[in-house]
N, C-alpha and C. Protein backbone atom coordinates (compact mmCIF):
# COMPACT_ATOMS: atom_id res chain seq x y z
N MET A 1 140.85 79.92 162.29
CA MET A 1 139.69 79.73 163.12
C MET A 1 139.78 80.62 164.35
N GLY A 2 138.66 81.21 164.72
CA GLY A 2 138.61 82.07 165.89
C GLY A 2 138.23 81.29 167.13
N THR A 3 138.33 81.94 168.24
CA THR A 3 137.93 81.30 169.48
C THR A 3 136.46 81.59 169.75
N THR A 4 135.83 80.71 170.46
CA THR A 4 134.42 80.87 170.79
C THR A 4 134.29 81.54 172.15
N ALA A 5 133.46 82.57 172.20
CA ALA A 5 133.21 83.25 173.48
C ALA A 5 132.29 82.39 174.33
N PRO A 6 132.53 82.34 175.64
CA PRO A 6 131.66 81.54 176.50
C PRO A 6 130.24 82.09 176.50
N VAL A 7 129.28 81.19 176.55
CA VAL A 7 127.87 81.58 176.57
C VAL A 7 127.51 81.90 178.03
N PRO A 8 126.85 83.03 178.27
CA PRO A 8 126.54 83.42 179.66
C PRO A 8 125.29 82.74 180.22
N VAL A 9 125.18 81.43 179.97
CA VAL A 9 124.05 80.65 180.46
C VAL A 9 124.63 79.45 181.20
N ARG A 10 124.03 79.12 182.33
CA ARG A 10 124.51 77.97 183.09
C ARG A 10 123.33 77.06 183.39
N PHE A 11 123.65 75.82 183.72
CA PHE A 11 122.63 74.84 184.08
C PHE A 11 122.29 74.97 185.56
N ARG A 12 121.03 74.77 185.90
CA ARG A 12 120.56 74.78 187.29
C ARG A 12 120.30 73.37 187.81
N LEU A 13 120.88 72.40 187.15
CA LEU A 13 120.58 71.01 187.47
C LEU A 13 120.97 70.67 188.90
N ASP A 14 122.07 71.21 189.40
CA ASP A 14 122.49 70.91 190.77
C ASP A 14 121.43 71.35 191.78
N ALA A 15 120.86 72.53 191.59
CA ALA A 15 119.83 73.02 192.51
C ALA A 15 118.56 72.18 192.42
N LEU A 16 118.19 71.78 191.22
CA LEU A 16 116.99 70.97 191.05
C LEU A 16 117.19 69.56 191.60
N LEU A 17 118.40 69.04 191.49
CA LEU A 17 118.69 67.73 192.09
C LEU A 17 118.55 67.81 193.61
N GLU A 18 119.09 68.86 194.19
CA GLU A 18 119.00 69.04 195.64
C GLU A 18 117.54 69.16 196.08
N GLU A 19 116.77 69.97 195.33
CA GLU A 19 115.36 70.16 195.66
C GLU A 19 114.57 68.85 195.57
N SER A 20 114.90 68.05 194.57
CA SER A 20 114.16 66.80 194.34
C SER A 20 114.60 65.66 195.24
N GLY A 21 115.82 65.76 195.78
CA GLY A 21 116.36 64.68 196.60
C GLY A 21 116.94 63.54 195.78
N LEU A 22 117.00 63.72 194.47
CA LEU A 22 117.56 62.68 193.60
C LEU A 22 119.07 62.83 193.50
N SER A 23 119.74 61.71 193.31
CA SER A 23 121.16 61.76 192.98
C SER A 23 121.30 61.89 191.47
N GLN A 24 122.47 62.21 191.01
CA GLN A 24 122.71 62.29 189.57
C GLN A 24 122.40 60.94 188.92
N ARG A 25 122.84 59.87 189.55
CA ARG A 25 122.62 58.53 188.99
C ARG A 25 121.13 58.19 188.92
N GLU A 26 120.38 58.56 189.97
CA GLU A 26 118.93 58.30 189.96
C GLU A 26 118.25 59.08 188.85
N LEU A 27 118.63 60.34 188.68
CA LEU A 27 118.04 61.15 187.62
C LEU A 27 118.37 60.56 186.25
N ALA A 28 119.60 60.13 186.07
CA ALA A 28 119.99 59.53 184.80
C ALA A 28 119.13 58.30 184.51
N ALA A 29 118.93 57.45 185.51
CA ALA A 29 118.13 56.24 185.30
C ALA A 29 116.68 56.57 185.00
N ARG A 30 116.11 57.53 185.72
CA ARG A 30 114.70 57.88 185.52
C ARG A 30 114.45 58.59 184.19
N SER A 31 115.44 59.34 183.73
CA SER A 31 115.26 60.14 182.51
C SER A 31 115.73 59.44 181.25
N GLY A 32 116.58 58.43 181.41
CA GLY A 32 117.16 57.77 180.24
C GLY A 32 118.32 58.55 179.65
N VAL A 33 118.80 59.55 180.38
CA VAL A 33 119.93 60.37 179.93
C VAL A 33 121.20 59.77 180.52
N SER A 34 122.27 59.77 179.76
CA SER A 34 123.54 59.21 180.20
C SER A 34 123.99 59.84 181.52
N PRO A 35 124.49 59.04 182.46
CA PRO A 35 125.03 59.60 183.71
C PRO A 35 126.15 60.61 183.46
N THR A 36 126.92 60.39 182.42
CA THR A 36 128.00 61.33 182.09
C THR A 36 127.43 62.69 181.72
N ILE A 37 126.37 62.71 180.93
CA ILE A 37 125.76 63.98 180.53
C ILE A 37 125.15 64.67 181.74
N VAL A 38 124.46 63.90 182.59
CA VAL A 38 123.88 64.49 183.81
C VAL A 38 124.98 65.10 184.66
N ASN A 39 126.08 64.39 184.84
CA ASN A 39 127.18 64.91 185.64
C ASN A 39 127.78 66.17 185.02
N ARG A 40 127.98 66.18 183.73
CA ARG A 40 128.55 67.36 183.05
C ARG A 40 127.62 68.56 183.18
N MET A 41 126.32 68.32 183.09
CA MET A 41 125.37 69.42 183.25
C MET A 41 125.33 69.91 184.69
N ALA A 42 125.31 68.99 185.64
CA ALA A 42 125.26 69.37 187.06
C ALA A 42 126.48 70.16 187.48
N ASN A 43 127.61 69.91 186.82
CA ASN A 43 128.85 70.61 187.13
C ASN A 43 129.16 71.74 186.14
N ASN A 44 128.20 72.08 185.31
CA ASN A 44 128.34 73.14 184.31
C ASN A 44 129.56 72.97 183.43
N LEU A 45 129.77 71.76 182.99
CA LEU A 45 130.86 71.46 182.07
C LEU A 45 130.37 71.23 180.65
N ALA A 46 129.07 71.01 180.49
CA ALA A 46 128.49 70.78 179.16
C ALA A 46 128.33 72.12 178.45
N GLU A 47 128.75 72.17 177.21
CA GLU A 47 128.62 73.40 176.43
C GLU A 47 127.36 73.42 175.59
N GLN A 48 126.79 72.24 175.35
CA GLN A 48 125.53 72.17 174.61
C GLN A 48 124.83 70.86 174.94
N VAL A 49 123.51 70.90 174.85
CA VAL A 49 122.71 69.69 175.07
C VAL A 49 121.55 69.72 174.08
N ALA A 50 121.05 68.55 173.79
CA ALA A 50 119.90 68.44 172.88
C ALA A 50 118.63 68.83 173.61
N LEU A 51 117.69 69.38 172.87
CA LEU A 51 116.39 69.72 173.45
C LEU A 51 115.70 68.49 174.02
N LYS A 52 115.89 67.36 173.39
CA LYS A 52 115.31 66.10 173.87
C LYS A 52 115.86 65.77 175.26
N THR A 53 117.14 66.06 175.49
CA THR A 53 117.76 65.82 176.80
C THR A 53 117.12 66.71 177.85
N LEU A 54 116.95 68.00 177.54
CA LEU A 54 116.31 68.93 178.48
C LEU A 54 114.89 68.46 178.80
N ASP A 55 114.17 68.00 177.79
CA ASP A 55 112.80 67.54 177.98
C ASP A 55 112.77 66.30 178.87
N SER A 56 113.63 65.35 178.62
CA SER A 56 113.67 64.12 179.42
C SER A 56 114.01 64.41 180.88
N LEU A 57 114.98 65.29 181.09
CA LEU A 57 115.36 65.64 182.46
C LEU A 57 114.25 66.39 183.18
N SER A 58 113.60 67.31 182.47
CA SER A 58 112.53 68.08 183.12
C SER A 58 111.34 67.17 183.46
N GLU A 59 111.04 66.20 182.62
CA GLU A 59 109.96 65.24 182.92
C GLU A 59 110.29 64.42 184.17
N ALA A 60 111.52 63.91 184.25
CA ALA A 60 111.91 63.09 185.39
C ALA A 60 111.95 63.92 186.68
N LEU A 61 112.46 65.15 186.59
CA LEU A 61 112.49 66.02 187.77
C LEU A 61 111.08 66.39 188.20
N GLY A 62 110.20 66.65 187.24
CA GLY A 62 108.82 66.98 187.55
C GLY A 62 108.12 65.85 188.30
N ALA A 63 108.36 64.62 187.86
CA ALA A 63 107.77 63.46 188.53
C ALA A 63 108.29 63.35 189.96
N ALA A 64 109.57 63.61 190.16
CA ALA A 64 110.16 63.52 191.50
C ALA A 64 109.67 64.64 192.41
N LEU A 65 109.45 65.82 191.84
CA LEU A 65 109.03 66.97 192.63
C LEU A 65 107.51 67.07 192.80
N GLY A 66 106.78 66.33 192.00
CA GLY A 66 105.32 66.39 192.07
C GLY A 66 104.76 67.67 191.48
N ARG A 67 105.48 68.25 190.54
CA ARG A 67 105.02 69.46 189.86
C ARG A 67 105.61 69.47 188.46
N ARG A 68 105.07 70.30 187.63
CA ARG A 68 105.59 70.42 186.27
C ARG A 68 106.90 71.19 186.30
N VAL A 69 107.91 70.66 185.65
CA VAL A 69 109.20 71.34 185.51
C VAL A 69 109.38 71.62 184.03
N GLU A 70 109.46 72.88 183.68
CA GLU A 70 109.66 73.27 182.29
C GLU A 70 111.15 73.13 181.93
N PRO A 71 111.46 72.76 180.70
CA PRO A 71 112.87 72.63 180.30
C PRO A 71 113.68 73.91 180.57
N GLY A 72 113.05 75.05 180.44
CA GLY A 72 113.76 76.31 180.69
C GLY A 72 114.20 76.49 182.13
N GLU A 73 113.57 75.76 183.06
CA GLU A 73 113.97 75.85 184.47
C GLU A 73 115.34 75.23 184.71
N LEU A 74 115.84 74.47 183.75
CA LEU A 74 117.14 73.85 183.89
C LEU A 74 118.27 74.81 183.52
N LEU A 75 117.91 76.00 183.05
CA LEU A 75 118.90 76.99 182.61
C LEU A 75 118.70 78.32 183.31
N GLU A 76 119.78 79.07 183.45
CA GLU A 76 119.68 80.44 183.94
C GLU A 76 120.79 81.27 183.31
N ARG A 77 120.51 82.53 183.10
CA ARG A 77 121.51 83.42 182.55
C ARG A 77 122.41 83.91 183.67
N GLU A 78 123.71 83.88 183.43
CA GLU A 78 124.66 84.39 184.41
C GLU A 78 124.74 85.90 184.30
N GLU A 79 124.96 86.53 185.41
CA GLU A 79 125.16 87.98 185.39
C GLU A 79 126.49 88.26 184.70
N PRO A 80 126.53 89.31 183.88
CA PRO A 80 127.81 89.63 183.24
C PRO A 80 128.85 90.01 184.29
N LYS A 81 130.08 89.59 184.05
CA LYS A 81 131.15 89.93 184.97
C LYS A 81 131.56 91.37 184.77
N ARG A 82 131.68 92.06 185.86
CA ARG A 82 132.05 93.48 185.80
C ARG A 82 133.55 93.62 185.72
N ARG A 83 133.95 94.55 184.91
CA ARG A 83 135.39 94.85 184.81
C ARG A 83 135.78 95.83 185.90
N ARG A 84 136.96 95.67 186.39
CA ARG A 84 137.44 96.57 187.45
C ARG A 84 138.18 97.72 186.87
């Protein structure tokens, strides 16, 4: 078996939580997503999530922010690391 290369995508959940004023626990309760999953995503420790999870989180964040939050807003591509 080979090793898996890291995916150059990270979650933006921490920034959206700050913008919304919600805590991780509040977001978990409003979205129905496990607090453990919310924490792993906020700390960029989750390697994969279900589309249903992204949808639930974006709906709850949208309600808190008073605007539509698309599931894609929870992700961003990391800049490739430059070699020295």
